[in-house]
Amino acid sequence: MSNVLELLTGHRIIVIGDVMLDRYIWGNVSRISPEAPVPVVRVDRKTEAIGGAGNVAANLAGLGCSVVSVGIRGHDEEGESLEHLCRLSRIETAFFVDKQRATTTKTRIMARKQQLFRLDSEDTAILSDHSKKQLLSIFESLIPDADAVILSDYGKGILQTPGVCQDVIALCKKFRIPSLVDPKGKEWERYKGATCITPNTSELETIAETDVDHDENLLAETVARIKKRYAVKCLVMTRGPKGMCVVDSDIPPEFLPTQAREVYDVSGAGDTVIATLAAGIAGGLTFIKAADLANLAAGIVVGKVGTQPISMTELELGINLRFQNPQGSFTHETKLDAVQSAKNRIDAWKSQDETVVFTNGCFDLLHPGHVDLLRKSKALGKRLVVGLNSDDSVTRLKGPTRPILSQSDRAAMLSALSCVDLVVIFHEDTPLELLTALKPDILVKGSDYKPEDVVGKDLVESYGGKIVLIPLVEGYSTSNIEKRIIERS
């Protein structure tokens, strides 16, 4: 199955739908306002992320696809921020800027991990004739180069506008490009003729007007009937902890179970499903195989805090762990994260006054010296983050015979250690860029370094962090282990 991952990358995929900006205001609550019985939040920092259909695009970018996001934003600061975040995530934007419409923005007020309340700034009216024409013109100019199209409906007016979905689906048929829909609401006539629709349990039961998920035979019959009613080739129903039900063409329904794991947050899992599904279909996979990958990817992202996209590295590690323990708990991959989502996790930890410790290395052939360093590092704070050199980085640093173990194998072993809270793979020769993004409280290296030689020392100390050098256990090194193996072979 891991060979299948190569088929996901490099495809040109268009995501059309409701793009949003997610804002988070992080702070602490220590008193109640004298003006009203409400908590007073002392603001520590503010963060922003891509939301809505933009999160679908972010998942595709994480899987190595060439992705373009088509939608509407306002002529405002929030729209500019959204464009900037998309560029950082390697998402091409083709937004129509509507001066009469505000950029959809969700602002969450967070005290530690608790969301106190949310402020929504949005315009959910259907598009004017002018805006509709401009949006479809942008889409039509892009579709000849596309390998797949996703319609991401968040109910904010764009895909509810009469004719938009049907025009998009008709163009996909004209160019023989698969169209996949993440639906919203009860008006599925607008999705008729799409290649695939991916409802969750609640969305399907709304259309079926009955509770069906308690009986697999009834569910299979209902999904097949709805698939035929709306003339779609495939219907993929996500069932939360129960996995998926996939009905493709005229073959019997396939039920894909999820694997046991600790769930932190289900938000954004549907975005991950349709993104992985589309990448798989664009790569020539059957819907069953693509849905199996999507099911696995969704299981990974629900193990994260907040809405965070999947990455190819995470998916690769998830596949490896599945083969190692196909029936057991599936949790180690939740410790591996991409840079931006790792930053979000660290922000959440810091909001709870948890000290974040960072160390880095190749960790090729994990040995007792490594474990001792990691345990002592963890003892310095509450959370330990490990920056792991990628395979290419190790080869540049250690020579053409290294690494001995792949980055996914090395990440899996580090993730299995209870003292490690987070693993982030970096591709540069040094972790300076990673440190700039994550800003740990403590940077740890072995005592074989002099303080002035530690990469990132000046950066960490500039914002009040500190450097700690930990004595190494003598007699252990990967090079020595490698030599002993060769001598005894």
Protein backbone atom coordinates (compact mmCIF):
# COMPACT_ATOMS: atom_id res chain seq x y z
CA MET A 1 0.00 0.00 0.00
CA SER A 2 2.89 2.39 0.69
CA ASN A 3 3.75 2.28 -3.03
CA VAL A 4 0.31 3.81 -3.65
CA LEU A 5 1.47 7.06 -2.00
CA GLU A 6 3.56 7.86 -5.06
CA LEU A 7 0.34 7.99 -7.08
CA LEU A 8 -1.11 10.79 -4.91
CA THR A 9 1.45 13.49 -5.60
CA GLY A 10 1.80 16.04 -8.37
CA HIS A 11 -1.80 16.11 -9.59
CA ARG A 12 -3.53 19.38 -10.45
CA ILE A 13 -6.71 19.64 -8.36
CA ILE A 14 -9.19 22.53 -8.18
CA VAL A 15 -11.13 23.19 -4.99
CA ILE A 16 -14.13 25.47 -5.50
CA GLY A 17 -16.27 26.54 -2.58
CA ASP A 18 -16.52 28.59 0.61
CA VAL A 19 -13.07 29.77 1.65
CA MET A 20 -12.71 31.15 5.19
CA LEU A 21 -10.23 32.66 7.59
CA ASP A 22 -9.99 31.05 11.03
CA ARG A 23 -8.73 33.41 13.74
CA TYR A 24 -7.75 32.41 17.26
CA ILE A 25 -7.27 34.82 20.14
CA TRP A 26 -5.37 33.03 22.90
CA GLY A 27 -5.34 34.18 26.49
CA ASN A 28 -5.92 33.43 30.16
CA VAL A 29 -8.87 34.01 32.44
CA SER A 30 -8.27 34.90 36.08
CA ARG A 31 -11.26 37.07 36.97
CA ILE A 32 -14.83 38.02 36.13
CA SER A 33 -15.62 41.42 34.66
CA PRO A 34 -17.15 43.97 37.08
CA GLU A 35 -19.26 45.26 34.17
CA ALA A 36 -21.09 42.00 33.52
CA PRO A 37 -20.91 38.35 34.67
CA VAL A 38 -18.47 37.37 31.93
CA PRO A 39 -14.82 36.21 32.08
CA VAL A 40 -12.06 38.71 31.33
CA VAL A 41 -9.57 37.27 28.83
CA ARG A 42 -6.04 38.63 29.03
CA VAL A 43 -4.81 38.28 25.44
CA ASP A 44 -1.42 36.63 24.97
CA ARG A 45 -1.30 36.21 21.20
CA LYS A 46 -3.32 35.84 18.01
CA THR A 47 -3.03 33.17 15.31
CA GLU A 48 -4.70 32.60 11.94
CA ALA A 49 -5.34 29.56 9.77
CA ILE A 50 -7.01 28.65 6.49
CA GLY A 51 -10.57 27.39 6.99
CA GLY A 52 -13.50 26.02 5.04
CA ALA A 53 -12.74 25.00 1.47
CA GLY A 54 -9.25 26.39 2.04
CA ASN A 55 -8.58 23.59 4.52
CA VAL A 56 -9.44 21.05 1.81
CA ALA A 57 -6.82 22.75 -0.38
CA ALA A 58 -4.32 22.68 2.51
CA ASN A 59 -4.81 18.90 2.83
CA LEU A 60 -4.12 18.48 -0.88
CA ALA A 61 -0.99 20.61 -0.65
CA GLY A 62 0.15 18.46 2.29
CA LEU A 63 -0.19 15.40 0.05
CA GLY A 64 2.03 16.98 -2.60
CA CYS A 65 -0.68 17.97 -5.07
CA SER A 66 -0.67 21.12 -7.16
CA VAL A 67 -3.81 22.78 -5.87
CA VAL A 68 -5.73 25.90 -6.80
CA SER A 69 -8.45 27.32 -4.57
CA VAL A 70 -11.36 29.02 -6.35
CA GLY A 71 -13.76 31.12 -4.32
CA ILE A 72 -14.81 34.60 -3.28
CA ARG A 73 -13.23 36.86 -0.70
CA GLY A 74 -13.87 40.40 0.38
CA HIS A 75 -11.81 43.50 -0.36
CA ASP A 76 -10.56 43.58 3.23
CA GLU A 77 -7.72 42.79 5.60
CA GLU A 78 -9.08 39.31 6.27
CA GLY A 79 -9.03 38.52 2.56
CA GLU A 80 -5.41 39.63 2.30
CA SER A 81 -4.51 37.44 5.29
CA LEU A 82 -6.24 34.48 3.66
CA GLU A 83 -4.29 34.96 0.43
CA HIS A 84 -1.03 35.19 2.41
CA LEU A 85 -1.72 32.00 4.36
CA CYS A 86 -2.54 30.16 1.14
CA ARG A 87 0.79 31.20 -0.37
CA LEU A 88 2.63 29.94 2.71
CA SER A 89 0.82 26.60 2.32
CA ARG A 90 1.72 26.33 -1.40
CA ILE A 91 -1.88 26.87 -2.47
CA GLU A 92 -2.51 28.81 -5.65
CA THR A 93 -5.44 31.19 -5.24
CA ALA A 94 -7.94 32.20 -7.90
CA PHE A 95 -10.32 34.25 -5.77
CA PHE A 96 -12.83 36.72 -7.12
CA VAL A 97 -12.59 39.82 -4.93
CA ASP A 98 -16.11 41.07 -4.21
CA LYS A 99 -16.12 44.56 -2.71
CA GLN A 100 -19.71 44.08 -1.58
CA ARG A 101 -19.01 40.90 0.39
CA ALA A 102 -16.91 40.41 3.54
CA THR A 103 -14.38 37.60 3.75
CA THR A 104 -15.93 34.84 5.86
CA THR A 105 -14.04 34.93 9.17
CA LYS A 106 -14.49 32.85 12.30
CA THR A 107 -12.81 34.29 15.39
CA ARG A 108 -12.45 31.94 18.36
CA ILE A 109 -11.67 33.27 21.83
CA MET A 110 -9.55 30.66 23.59
CA ALA A 111 -8.67 30.47 27.28
CA ARG A 112 -6.13 27.67 27.62
CA LYS A 113 -7.67 24.86 25.52
CA GLN A 114 -11.23 25.96 26.19
CA GLN A 115 -13.13 27.88 23.52
CA LEU A 116 -15.14 30.55 25.33
CA PHE A 117 -17.10 31.74 22.31
CA ARG A 118 -16.88 32.39 18.57
CA LEU A 119 -17.50 35.48 16.48
CA ASP A 120 -18.60 34.90 12.86
CA SER A 121 -18.29 37.57 10.21
CA GLU A 122 -19.92 36.32 7.03
CA ASP A 123 -22.34 36.95 4.20
CA THR A 124 -24.31 33.81 3.34
CA ALA A 125 -26.48 35.33 0.62
CA ILE A 126 -26.40 33.73 -2.83
CA LEU A 127 -24.16 35.41 -5.37
CA SER A 128 -25.21 38.26 -7.58
CA ASP A 129 -25.37 37.51 -11.30
CA HIS A 130 -22.12 39.45 -11.80
CA SER A 131 -20.25 37.56 -9.05
CA LYS A 132 -21.56 34.22 -10.29
CA LYS A 133 -20.43 34.98 -13.83
CA GLN A 134 -16.96 36.04 -12.66
CA LEU A 135 -16.53 32.97 -10.46
CA LEU A 136 -17.53 30.54 -13.20
CA SER A 137 -15.30 32.36 -15.69
CA ILE A 138 -12.31 31.85 -13.37
CA PHE A 139 -13.17 28.17 -12.95
CA GLU A 140 -13.64 27.59 -16.68
CA SER A 141 -10.20 29.06 -17.42
CA LEU A 142 -8.55 26.60 -15.01
CA ILE A 143 -10.35 23.33 -15.70
CA PRO A 144 -8.52 22.20 -18.88
CA ASP A 145 -5.38 21.54 -16.80
CA ALA A 146 -7.13 19.85 -13.87
CA ASP A 147 -6.99 16.18 -12.88
CA ALA A 148 -9.89 16.41 -10.41
CA VAL A 149 -12.30 18.98 -8.97
CA ILE A 150 -13.68 19.24 -5.45
CA LEU A 151 -16.85 21.18 -4.63
CA SER A 152 -16.52 22.10 -0.94
CA ASP A 153 -19.90 23.32 0.28
CA TYR A 154 -19.94 25.01 3.68
CA GLY A 155 -23.33 26.63 3.19
CA LYS A 156 -22.04 30.19 2.83
CA GLY A 157 -23.94 30.99 -0.36
CA ILE A 158 -21.48 30.27 -3.15
CA LEU A 159 -22.50 26.72 -4.05
CA GLN A 160 -26.13 27.40 -3.05
CA THR A 161 -26.33 29.96 -5.86
CA PRO A 162 -28.62 28.44 -8.53
CA GLY A 163 -26.68 26.96 -11.43
CA VAL A 164 -23.16 27.15 -9.95
CA CYS A 165 -22.80 23.47 -8.99
CA GLN A 166 -24.49 22.20 -12.13
CA ASP A 167 -22.31 24.40 -14.36
CA VAL A 168 -19.17 23.18 -12.58
CA ILE A 169 -20.23 19.52 -12.84
CA ALA A 170 -21.14 19.96 -16.53
CA LEU A 171 -17.70 21.41 -17.27
CA CYS A 172 -16.07 18.49 -15.45
CA LYS A 173 -18.03 16.06 -17.62
CA LYS A 174 -17.07 17.97 -20.74
CA PHE A 175 -13.37 17.62 -19.91
CA ARG A 176 -13.79 14.09 -18.45
CA ILE A 177 -12.55 15.17 -15.05
CA PRO A 178 -13.89 13.57 -11.84
CA SER A 179 -15.94 15.89 -9.61
CA LEU A 180 -16.23 15.19 -5.88
CA VAL A 181 -18.71 16.96 -3.60
CA ASP A 182 -18.62 17.53 0.15
CA PRO A 183 -22.33 18.33 0.60
CA LYS A 184 -24.31 20.70 2.81
CA GLY A 185 -28.02 20.86 3.49
CA LYS A 186 -30.95 19.04 1.90
CA GLU A 187 -30.88 20.40 -1.65
CA TRP A 188 -28.81 17.70 -3.32
CA GLU A 189 -30.36 18.30 -6.75
CA ARG A 190 -27.57 20.83 -7.32
CA TYR A 191 -25.00 17.98 -6.98
CA LYS A 192 -26.76 15.68 -9.45
CA GLY A 193 -24.42 13.97 -11.89
CA ALA A 194 -21.25 14.49 -9.83
CA THR A 195 -18.74 11.64 -9.80
CA CYS A 196 -18.81 11.26 -6.02
CA ILE A 197 -20.54 12.71 -2.94
CA THR A 198 -19.06 12.31 0.55
CA PRO A 199 -21.74 12.88 3.24
CA ASN A 200 -21.29 12.15 6.90
CA THR A 201 -23.89 10.13 8.84
CA SER A 202 -25.99 13.14 9.76
CA GLU A 203 -25.99 14.52 6.20
CA LEU A 204 -27.01 11.20 4.67
CA GLU A 205 -29.78 10.63 7.23
CA THR A 206 -31.10 14.12 6.51
CA ILE A 207 -31.46 13.19 2.85
CA ALA A 208 -32.83 9.72 3.66
CA GLU A 209 -35.21 11.26 6.24
CA THR A 210 -34.61 8.30 8.54
CA ASP A 211 -32.05 6.83 10.95
CA VAL A 212 -30.08 4.21 9.01
CA ASP A 213 -26.66 3.90 10.66
CA HIS A 214 -27.83 1.35 13.26
CA ASP A 215 -28.40 -1.35 10.60
CA GLU A 216 -25.73 -2.04 7.96
CA ASN A 217 -28.15 -3.75 5.57
CA LEU A 218 -30.55 -0.81 5.74
CA LEU A 219 -27.65 1.58 5.39
CA ALA A 220 -26.32 -0.20 2.30
CA GLU A 221 -29.76 -0.15 0.67
CA THR A 222 -30.28 3.53 1.49
CA VAL A 223 -26.85 4.62 0.24
CA ALA A 224 -27.36 2.70 -3.02
CA ARG A 225 -30.80 4.27 -3.48
CA ILE A 226 -29.55 7.81 -2.89
CA LYS A 227 -26.57 7.21 -5.16
CA LYS A 228 -28.96 6.22 -7.96
CA ARG A 229 -31.37 9.10 -7.23
CA TYR A 230 -28.65 11.70 -7.76
CA ALA A 231 -26.90 9.87 -10.61
CA VAL A 232 -23.47 9.74 -8.95
CA LYS A 233 -20.90 7.06 -9.71
CA CYS A 234 -19.79 6.62 -6.12
CA LEU A 235 -21.06 7.60 -2.68
CA VAL A 236 -18.67 7.57 0.29
CA MET A 237 -20.36 7.94 3.67
CA THR A 238 -18.14 8.79 6.63
CA ARG A 239 -19.41 7.21 9.85
CA GLY A 240 -17.12 8.67 12.50
CA PRO A 241 -15.77 5.93 14.79
CA LYS A 242 -17.53 3.30 12.65
CA GLY A 243 -15.37 4.05 9.61
CA MET A 244 -16.88 4.37 6.12
CA CYS A 245 -19.47 2.90 3.79
CA VAL A 246 -18.43 3.00 0.12
CA VAL A 247 -20.83 2.29 -2.77
CA ASP A 248 -19.06 2.33 -6.12
CA SER A 249 -20.83 1.53 -9.40
CA ASP A 250 -22.90 -1.64 -9.12
CA ILE A 251 -20.65 -3.63 -6.80
CA PRO A 252 -21.87 -4.46 -3.25
CA PRO A 253 -21.27 -1.78 -0.60
CA GLU A 254 -17.91 -1.92 1.15
CA PHE A 255 -17.63 -1.17 4.88
CA LEU A 256 -14.24 0.14 5.98
CA PRO A 257 -13.67 -0.01 9.75
CA THR A 258 -11.69 2.66 11.56
CA GLN A 259 -8.83 1.68 13.87
CA ALA A 260 -8.91 2.18 17.64
CA ARG A 261 -7.25 5.43 18.66
CA GLU A 262 -7.49 8.40 20.97
CA VAL A 263 -9.62 11.13 19.38
CA TYR A 264 -8.80 14.73 20.20
CA ASP A 265 -10.78 16.69 17.62
CA VAL A 266 -12.98 15.60 14.70
CA SER A 267 -13.09 19.07 13.11
CA GLY A 268 -11.68 19.06 9.60
CA ALA A 269 -11.75 15.28 9.22
CA GLY A 270 -14.25 15.54 6.33
CA ASP A 271 -11.90 17.93 4.53
CA THR A 272 -9.09 15.39 4.86
CA VAL A 273 -11.31 12.59 3.56
CA ILE A 274 -12.37 14.33 0.36
CA ALA A 275 -8.87 15.69 -0.30
CA THR A 276 -7.22 12.27 0.03
CA LEU A 277 -10.03 10.65 -1.96
CA ALA A 278 -9.61 13.16 -4.81
CA ALA A 279 -5.82 12.76 -4.87
CA GLY A 280 -6.23 8.99 -5.03
CA ILE A 281 -8.79 9.12 -7.85
CA ALA A 282 -6.61 11.58 -9.78
CA GLY A 283 -3.76 9.08 -9.37
CA GLY A 284 -5.79 6.25 -10.89
CA LEU A 285 -6.85 4.40 -7.74
CA THR A 286 -10.24 2.75 -7.45
CA PHE A 287 -12.72 4.44 -5.14
CA ILE A 288 -12.34 1.58 -2.64
CA LYS A 289 -8.55 1.95 -2.46
CA ALA A 290 -8.73 5.74 -2.39
CA ALA A 291 -11.38 5.59 0.35
CA ASP A 292 -9.18 3.24 2.38
CA LEU A 293 -6.37 5.82 2.26
CA ALA A 294 -8.84 8.59 3.09
CA ASN A 295 -10.11 6.59 6.07
CA LEU A 296 -6.56 6.20 7.33
CA ALA A 297 -5.79 9.91 6.81
CA ALA A 298 -8.93 10.94 8.72
CA GLY A 299 -7.86 8.72 11.60
CA ILE A 300 -4.60 10.64 11.78
CA VAL A 301 -6.03 14.16 11.79
CA VAL A 302 -8.60 13.46 14.50
CA GLY A 303 -5.64 12.69 16.75
CA LYS A 304 -4.60 16.35 16.56
CA VAL A 305 -5.90 19.39 18.38
CA GLY A 306 -7.88 21.75 16.15
CA THR A 307 -8.41 21.69 12.40
CA GLN A 308 -5.11 20.61 10.90
CA PRO A 309 -4.36 19.12 7.45
CA ILE A 310 -2.71 15.80 6.71
CA SER A 311 0.84 15.54 5.37
CA MET A 312 2.41 12.88 3.19
CA THR A 313 4.93 12.04 5.93
CA GLU A 314 2.11 11.42 8.42
CA LEU A 315 0.22 9.25 5.96
CA GLU A 316 3.34 7.21 5.18
CA LEU A 317 3.99 6.63 8.87
CA GLY A 318 0.33 5.73 9.42
CA ILE A 319 0.55 3.06 6.72
CA ASN A 320 3.73 1.63 8.26
CA LEU A 321 2.11 1.48 11.70
CA ARG A 322 -0.98 -0.20 10.28
CA PHE A 323 1.14 -3.02 8.87
CA GLN A 324 3.09 -3.35 12.11
CA ASN A 325 -0.06 -3.54 14.25
CA PRO A 326 -3.11 -4.03 12.02
CA GLN A 327 -5.56 -4.89 14.81
CA GLY A 328 -4.21 -2.80 17.66
CA SER A 329 -4.28 0.75 18.93
CA PHE A 330 -3.30 3.26 16.28
CA THR A 331 -1.83 6.20 18.17
CA HIS A 332 1.87 6.73 17.49
CA GLU A 333 1.35 8.70 14.31
CA THR A 334 -0.45 11.43 16.21
CA LYS A 335 2.95 12.52 17.52
CA LEU A 336 4.27 13.23 14.02
CA ASP A 337 3.24 16.59 12.66
CA ALA A 338 3.94 19.11 9.92
CA VAL A 339 5.48 22.45 10.90
CA GLN A 340 2.36 24.63 10.88
CA SER A 341 0.16 22.18 12.77
CA ALA A 342 3.02 21.50 15.20
CA LYS A 343 3.13 25.23 15.85
CA ASN A 344 -0.59 25.17 16.60
CA ARG A 345 -0.08 22.35 19.09
CA ILE A 346 2.77 24.19 20.79
CA ASP A 347 0.69 27.38 20.98
CA ALA A 348 -2.03 25.39 22.75
CA TRP A 349 0.50 23.92 25.19
CA LYS A 350 1.99 27.31 25.95
CA SER A 351 -1.47 28.74 26.57
CA GLN A 352 -1.65 26.28 29.49
CA ASP A 353 1.73 27.46 30.80
CA GLU A 354 3.39 24.20 29.76
CA THR A 355 7.16 24.47 29.21
CA VAL A 356 8.14 23.24 25.74
CA VAL A 357 11.57 21.59 25.36
CA PHE A 358 13.16 21.01 21.95
CA THR A 359 16.03 18.85 20.79
CA ASN A 360 17.00 17.60 17.36
CA GLY A 361 19.06 15.02 15.54
CA CYS A 362 19.17 12.19 13.01
CA PHE A 363 18.37 9.44 15.56
CA ASP A 364 19.51 6.77 13.11
CA LEU A 365 19.57 3.39 14.91
CA LEU A 366 18.03 4.58 18.15
CA HIS A 367 20.26 3.54 21.07
CA PRO A 368 20.42 3.97 24.88
CA GLY A 369 22.40 7.18 24.54
CA HIS A 370 19.58 8.72 22.51
CA VAL A 371 16.95 7.53 24.99
CA ASP A 372 18.89 8.94 27.94
CA LEU A 373 19.20 12.33 26.24
CA LEU A 374 15.48 12.39 25.42
CA ARG A 375 14.40 11.42 28.92
CA LYS A 376 16.62 14.04 30.52
CA SER A 377 15.34 16.61 28.03
CA LYS A 378 11.72 15.81 28.92
CA ALA A 379 12.54 16.25 32.62
CA LEU A 380 13.31 19.92 31.94
CA GLY A 381 9.71 20.76 31.04
CA LYS A 382 6.22 19.50 30.37
CA ARG A 383 6.43 18.79 26.62
CA LEU A 384 9.29 17.41 24.50
CA VAL A 385 9.45 18.21 20.78
CA VAL A 386 11.99 16.37 18.62
CA GLY A 387 13.19 17.85 15.35
CA LEU A 388 14.14 14.93 13.07
CA ASN A 389 16.45 15.28 10.07
CA SER A 390 14.83 14.05 6.86
CA ASP A 391 16.47 11.31 4.79
CA ASP A 392 17.95 13.81 2.33
CA SER A 393 19.27 15.92 5.18
CA VAL A 394 20.95 12.91 6.84
CA THR A 395 22.58 11.89 3.57
CA ARG A 396 24.07 15.36 3.12
CA LEU A 397 25.38 15.39 6.69
CA LYS A 398 26.49 11.75 7.10
CA GLY A 399 27.27 10.53 3.60
CA PRO A 400 25.68 8.34 0.92
CA THR A 401 25.33 5.23 3.13
CA ARG A 402 23.11 6.99 5.64
CA PRO A 403 20.47 6.98 6.92
CA ILE A 404 20.28 3.31 7.76
CA LEU A 405 16.59 3.64 8.62
CA SER A 406 14.09 5.78 6.71
CA GLN A 407 12.64 8.95 8.21
CA SER A 408 9.28 7.25 8.69
CA ASP A 409 10.90 4.37 10.61
CA ARG A 410 12.95 6.77 12.74
CA ALA A 411 9.88 8.89 13.42
CA ALA A 412 7.89 5.78 14.41
CA MET A 413 10.50 4.73 16.97
CA LEU A 414 10.73 8.21 18.47
CA SER A 415 6.95 8.44 18.60
CA ALA A 416 6.79 5.17 20.54
CA LEU A 417 8.78 6.71 23.41
CA SER A 418 6.57 7.98 26.22
CA CYS A 419 8.91 10.91 26.89
CA VAL A 420 8.40 12.30 23.36
CA ASP A 421 5.30 14.43 22.76
CA LEU A 422 5.84 15.61 19.19
CA VAL A 423 8.08 14.76 16.22
CA VAL A 424 8.62 17.21 13.36
CA ILE A 425 10.70 16.28 10.31
CA PHE A 426 12.81 19.07 8.82
CA HIS A 427 14.61 18.99 5.46
CA GLU A 428 17.30 21.63 6.00
CA ASP A 429 20.80 20.83 7.29
CA THR A 430 20.11 22.68 10.55
CA PRO A 431 16.92 23.13 12.60
CA LEU A 432 17.11 26.95 12.52
CA GLU A 433 14.00 27.40 10.35
CA LEU A 434 12.09 24.94 12.52
CA LEU A 435 13.15 26.72 15.71
CA THR A 436 12.06 30.03 14.19
CA ALA A 437 8.59 28.61 13.58
CA LEU A 438 8.14 26.67 16.84
CA LYS A 439 9.89 28.95 19.38
CA PRO A 440 10.47 26.40 22.18
CA ASP A 441 11.17 27.54 25.73
CA ILE A 442 14.27 25.34 26.11
CA LEU A 443 16.71 24.12 23.45
CA VAL A 444 18.69 21.00 24.42
CA LYS A 445 21.87 19.59 22.91
CA GLY A 446 24.44 17.08 24.10
CA SER A 447 27.48 18.16 26.11
CA ASP A 448 29.71 17.47 23.10
CA TYR A 449 28.59 20.94 21.91
CA LYS A 450 29.90 24.26 23.18
CA PRO A 451 27.09 26.75 23.90
CA GLU A 452 28.28 29.13 21.19
CA ASP A 453 28.17 26.32 18.61
CA VAL A 454 24.52 25.39 19.21
CA VAL A 455 22.44 26.29 16.15
CA GLY A 456 19.55 28.50 17.25
CA LYS A 457 21.15 29.68 20.50
CA ASP A 458 20.87 33.39 19.66
CA LEU A 459 17.32 32.96 18.37
CA VAL A 460 16.04 31.11 21.44
CA GLU A 461 17.72 33.49 23.85
CA SER A 462 16.37 36.50 21.95
CA TYR A 463 12.80 35.76 23.07
CA GLY A 464 13.72 34.68 26.62
CA GLY A 465 14.35 30.97 26.10
CA LYS A 466 17.39 29.11 27.34
CA ILE A 467 20.00 26.58 26.18
CA VAL A 468 20.77 23.43 28.17
CA LEU A 469 23.64 21.00 27.47
CA ILE A 470 23.09 17.46 28.77
CA PRO A 471 25.97 15.04 29.49
CA LEU A 472 26.08 12.15 27.06
CA VAL A 473 26.22 8.45 27.94
CA GLU A 474 29.67 7.27 26.88
CA GLY A 475 30.19 4.40 24.47
CA TYR A 476 27.13 4.82 22.28
CA SER A 477 26.97 6.14 18.73
CA THR A 478 25.23 5.06 15.55
CA SER A 479 28.57 4.97 13.70
CA ASN A 480 30.05 2.54 16.25
CA ILE A 481 26.98 0.32 16.10
CA GLU A 482 27.19 0.33 12.29
CA LYS A 483 30.87 -0.69 12.45
CA ARG A 484 30.18 -3.55 14.85
CA ILE A 485 27.40 -4.87 12.60
CA ILE A 486 29.72 -4.79 9.57
CA GLU A 487 32.58 -6.45 11.49
CA ARG A 488 30.31 -9.29 12.65
CA SER A 489 28.60 -9.87 9.32
